[in-house]
Amino acid sequence: MPKIESWGNLPAGVREHLIDRMRDRTIGIANLNQLRLWIESKPEVPEGDWYKDFGSFKICGRGSFPKTFLLRGQAAKGLAL
């Protein structure tokens, strides 16, 4: 299984999209710190679609790349981590 990519290894377009979604969904610093700690743990992720629910938001991805953020209550697809 692949491991999630660190922020610095994401393609520029993916980083920009994630930043836009963080702002649109008003994901706060405390929540981003939870995300940072999870990513720093270098979790394994499936090859296909996946998501990680942090309670107040979800991060969704495919393979080693995170793709977007969802708010609590928004439906995510893929394997729950």
N, C-alpha and C. Protein backbone atom coordinates (compact mmCIF):
# COMPACT_ATOMS: atom_id res chain seq x y z
N MET A 1 0.85 -1.19 0.00
CA MET A 1 0.00 0.00 0.00
C MET A 1 0.89 1.25 0.00
N PRO A 2 0.49 2.28 -0.76
CA PRO A 2 1.28 3.52 -0.76
C PRO A 2 1.10 4.28 0.55
N LYS A 3 1.99 5.20 0.79
CA LYS A 3 1.88 6.11 1.93
C LYS A 3 1.47 7.48 1.40
N ILE A 4 0.77 8.23 2.22
CA ILE A 4 0.33 9.56 1.81
C ILE A 4 1.55 10.45 1.59
N GLU A 5 1.49 11.26 0.57
CA GLU A 5 2.59 12.18 0.25
C GLU A 5 2.61 13.34 1.23
N SER A 6 3.79 13.85 1.52
CA SER A 6 3.90 15.04 2.35
C SER A 6 3.53 16.27 1.52
N TRP A 7 3.22 17.35 2.21
CA TRP A 7 2.77 18.59 1.55
C TRP A 7 3.75 19.04 0.48
N GLY A 8 5.04 19.00 0.78
CA GLY A 8 6.05 19.47 -0.15
C GLY A 8 6.17 18.64 -1.42
N ASN A 9 5.70 17.41 -1.38
CA ASN A 9 5.78 16.54 -2.55
C ASN A 9 4.52 16.54 -3.41
N LEU A 10 3.52 17.30 -3.00
CA LEU A 10 2.28 17.36 -3.79
C LEU A 10 2.49 18.24 -5.01
N PRO A 11 1.86 17.90 -6.14
CA PRO A 11 1.91 18.79 -7.30
C PRO A 11 1.29 20.15 -6.95
N ALA A 12 1.81 21.20 -7.55
CA ALA A 12 1.36 22.56 -7.25
C ALA A 12 -0.15 22.71 -7.38
N GLY A 13 -0.75 22.12 -8.41
CA GLY A 13 -2.20 22.23 -8.60
C GLY A 13 -2.98 21.60 -7.48
N VAL A 14 -2.51 20.49 -6.97
CA VAL A 14 -3.17 19.81 -5.85
C VAL A 14 -3.06 20.67 -4.60
N ARG A 15 -1.88 21.21 -4.33
CA ARG A 15 -1.70 22.09 -3.16
C ARG A 15 -2.63 23.29 -3.23
N GLU A 16 -2.70 23.92 -4.39
CA GLU A 16 -3.57 25.10 -4.56
C GLU A 16 -5.03 24.74 -4.32
N HIS A 17 -5.46 23.61 -4.86
CA HIS A 17 -6.84 23.17 -4.67
C HIS A 17 -7.13 22.93 -3.19
N LEU A 18 -6.22 22.26 -2.49
CA LEU A 18 -6.42 21.99 -1.07
C LEU A 18 -6.47 23.28 -0.26
N ILE A 19 -5.63 24.23 -0.59
CA ILE A 19 -5.64 25.53 0.10
C ILE A 19 -6.98 26.23 -0.13
N ASP A 20 -7.47 26.21 -1.37
CA ASP A 20 -8.77 26.81 -1.68
C ASP A 20 -9.88 26.14 -0.87
N ARG A 21 -9.89 24.81 -0.80
CA ARG A 21 -10.92 24.10 -0.05
C ARG A 21 -10.82 24.37 1.44
N MET A 22 -9.60 24.50 1.97
CA MET A 22 -9.43 24.84 3.40
C MET A 22 -10.09 26.18 3.70
N ARG A 23 -9.88 27.13 2.80
CA ARG A 23 -10.47 28.47 3.00
C ARG A 23 -11.99 28.42 2.83
N ASP A 24 -12.47 27.76 1.77
CA ASP A 24 -13.92 27.67 1.51
C ASP A 24 -14.66 27.02 2.67
N ARG A 25 -14.05 26.04 3.27
CA ARG A 25 -14.70 25.26 4.32
C ARG A 25 -14.28 25.69 5.72
N THR A 26 -13.56 26.80 5.79
CA THR A 26 -13.10 27.40 7.04
C THR A 26 -12.58 26.35 8.03
N ILE A 27 -11.60 25.60 7.57
CA ILE A 27 -10.95 24.60 8.42
C ILE A 27 -9.90 25.34 9.24
N GLY A 28 -10.04 25.29 10.55
CA GLY A 28 -9.20 26.07 11.45
C GLY A 28 -7.84 25.45 11.74
N ILE A 29 -7.03 26.24 12.42
CA ILE A 29 -5.66 25.84 12.75
C ILE A 29 -5.63 24.56 13.59
N ALA A 30 -6.49 24.44 14.58
CA ALA A 30 -6.50 23.23 15.43
C ALA A 30 -6.78 22.00 14.58
N ASN A 31 -7.70 22.13 13.64
CA ASN A 31 -8.01 21.00 12.77
C ASN A 31 -6.85 20.69 11.83
N LEU A 32 -6.22 21.73 11.31
CA LEU A 32 -5.07 21.52 10.43
C LEU A 32 -3.91 20.87 11.18
N ASN A 33 -3.80 21.16 12.47
CA ASN A 33 -2.75 20.52 13.26
C ASN A 33 -3.02 19.03 13.38
N GLN A 34 -4.27 18.63 13.58
CA GLN A 34 -4.63 17.20 13.59
C GLN A 34 -4.21 16.56 12.27
N LEU A 35 -4.52 17.23 11.18
CA LEU A 35 -4.17 16.72 9.85
C LEU A 35 -2.66 16.60 9.71
N ARG A 36 -1.93 17.62 10.14
CA ARG A 36 -0.47 17.60 10.05
C ARG A 36 0.12 16.41 10.80
N LEU A 37 -0.36 16.19 12.01
CA LEU A 37 0.14 15.06 12.80
C LEU A 37 -0.14 13.73 12.12
N TRP A 38 -1.32 13.61 11.54
CA TRP A 38 -1.68 12.37 10.85
C TRP A 38 -0.77 12.16 9.64
N ILE A 39 -0.57 13.20 8.85
CA ILE A 39 0.29 13.08 7.66
C ILE A 39 1.73 12.77 8.06
N GLU A 40 2.21 13.41 9.13
CA GLU A 40 3.58 13.16 9.59
C GLU A 40 3.78 11.72 10.06
N SER A 41 2.69 11.04 10.42
CA SER A 41 2.80 9.63 10.82
C SER A 41 2.99 8.71 9.61
N LYS A 42 2.95 9.30 8.41
CA LYS A 42 3.13 8.57 7.14
C LYS A 42 2.20 7.37 7.03
N PRO A 43 0.90 7.62 7.13
CA PRO A 43 -0.05 6.51 7.08
C PRO A 43 -0.10 5.85 5.70
N GLU A 44 -0.37 4.57 5.71
CA GLU A 44 -0.60 3.87 4.45
C GLU A 44 -2.01 4.18 3.99
N VAL A 45 -2.17 4.34 2.69
CA VAL A 45 -3.47 4.61 2.10
C VAL A 45 -3.68 3.64 0.93
N PRO A 46 -4.91 3.33 0.59
CA PRO A 46 -5.14 2.41 -0.52
C PRO A 46 -4.81 3.04 -1.87
N GLU A 47 -4.68 2.22 -2.88
CA GLU A 47 -4.42 2.71 -4.24
C GLU A 47 -5.57 3.55 -4.77
N GLY A 48 -6.80 3.16 -4.41
CA GLY A 48 -7.99 3.85 -4.92
C GLY A 48 -8.44 4.97 -4.01
N ASP A 49 -9.75 5.26 -4.05
CA ASP A 49 -10.34 6.34 -3.27
C ASP A 49 -10.35 6.01 -1.78
N TRP A 50 -10.11 7.02 -0.96
CA TRP A 50 -10.12 6.88 0.50
C TRP A 50 -10.50 8.21 1.13
N TYR A 51 -10.84 8.14 2.42
CA TYR A 51 -11.06 9.37 3.18
C TYR A 51 -10.75 9.12 4.65
N LYS A 52 -10.39 10.19 5.33
CA LYS A 52 -10.11 10.16 6.76
C LYS A 52 -11.00 11.20 7.41
N ASP A 53 -11.82 10.76 8.36
CA ASP A 53 -12.77 11.64 9.05
C ASP A 53 -12.13 12.14 10.35
N PHE A 54 -11.99 13.45 10.45
CA PHE A 54 -11.42 14.07 11.64
C PHE A 54 -12.51 14.65 12.55
N GLY A 55 -13.75 14.36 12.26
CA GLY A 55 -14.86 14.85 13.07
C GLY A 55 -15.47 16.12 12.50
N SER A 56 -14.70 17.18 12.45
CA SER A 56 -15.23 18.44 11.93
C SER A 56 -14.99 18.60 10.44
N PHE A 57 -14.15 17.75 9.85
CA PHE A 57 -13.90 17.76 8.42
C PHE A 57 -13.37 16.39 8.01
N LYS A 58 -13.35 16.17 6.70
CA LYS A 58 -12.78 14.95 6.13
C LYS A 58 -11.78 15.36 5.07
N ILE A 59 -10.72 14.57 4.95
CA ILE A 59 -9.82 14.72 3.83
C ILE A 59 -10.03 13.50 2.95
N CYS A 60 -10.13 13.74 1.65
CA CYS A 60 -10.38 12.66 0.69
C CYS A 60 -9.22 12.59 -0.28
N GLY A 61 -8.89 11.39 -0.71
CA GLY A 61 -7.80 11.25 -1.64
C GLY A 61 -7.92 10.02 -2.50
N ARG A 62 -6.92 9.86 -3.34
CA ARG A 62 -6.82 8.69 -4.21
C ARG A 62 -5.34 8.32 -4.24
N GLY A 63 -5.05 7.09 -3.85
CA GLY A 63 -3.66 6.67 -3.79
C GLY A 63 -2.91 7.54 -2.80
N SER A 64 -1.70 7.93 -3.14
CA SER A 64 -0.87 8.68 -2.20
C SER A 64 -1.20 10.17 -2.12
N PHE A 65 -2.12 10.65 -2.96
CA PHE A 65 -2.42 12.08 -2.99
C PHE A 65 -3.75 12.43 -2.34
N PRO A 66 -3.74 13.38 -1.38
CA PRO A 66 -5.00 13.94 -0.91
C PRO A 66 -5.58 14.79 -2.03
N LYS A 67 -6.89 14.80 -2.15
CA LYS A 67 -7.52 15.51 -3.27
C LYS A 67 -8.41 16.68 -2.85
N THR A 68 -9.14 16.54 -1.72
CA THR A 68 -10.04 17.62 -1.32
C THR A 68 -10.42 17.47 0.14
N PHE A 69 -11.07 18.50 0.66
CA PHE A 69 -11.62 18.50 2.01
C PHE A 69 -13.14 18.55 1.91
N LEU A 70 -13.80 17.87 2.83
CA LEU A 70 -15.25 17.93 2.96
C LEU A 70 -15.59 18.34 4.38
N LEU A 71 -16.74 18.96 4.55
CA LEU A 71 -17.22 19.30 5.88
C LEU A 71 -17.92 18.11 6.50
N ARG A 72 -18.07 18.17 7.82
CA ARG A 72 -18.85 17.14 8.52
C ARG A 72 -20.22 17.07 7.87
N GLY A 73 -20.71 15.90 7.65
CA GLY A 73 -22.02 15.72 7.04
C GLY A 73 -21.98 15.56 5.53
N GLN A 74 -20.89 15.97 4.88
CA GLN A 74 -20.78 15.75 3.45
C GLN A 74 -20.34 14.31 3.22
N ALA A 75 -20.95 13.69 2.25
CA ALA A 75 -20.67 12.28 1.95
C ALA A 75 -19.32 12.13 1.26
N ALA A 76 -18.55 11.17 1.73
CA ALA A 76 -17.25 10.86 1.11
C ALA A 76 -17.34 9.49 0.47
N LYS A 77 -16.51 9.27 -0.55
CA LYS A 77 -16.50 7.96 -1.18
C LYS A 77 -15.15 7.32 -0.98
N GLY A 78 -15.12 6.03 -1.05
CA GLY A 78 -13.87 5.31 -0.88
C GLY A 78 -13.79 4.62 0.47
N LEU A 79 -12.61 4.12 0.75
CA LEU A 79 -12.36 3.37 1.98
C LEU A 79 -12.13 4.35 3.14
N ALA A 80 -12.85 4.13 4.25
CA ALA A 80 -12.64 4.96 5.44
C ALA A 80 -11.35 4.50 6.12
N LEU A 81 -10.50 5.45 6.48
CA LEU A 81 -9.25 5.12 7.17
C LEU A 81 -9.38 5.39 8.65
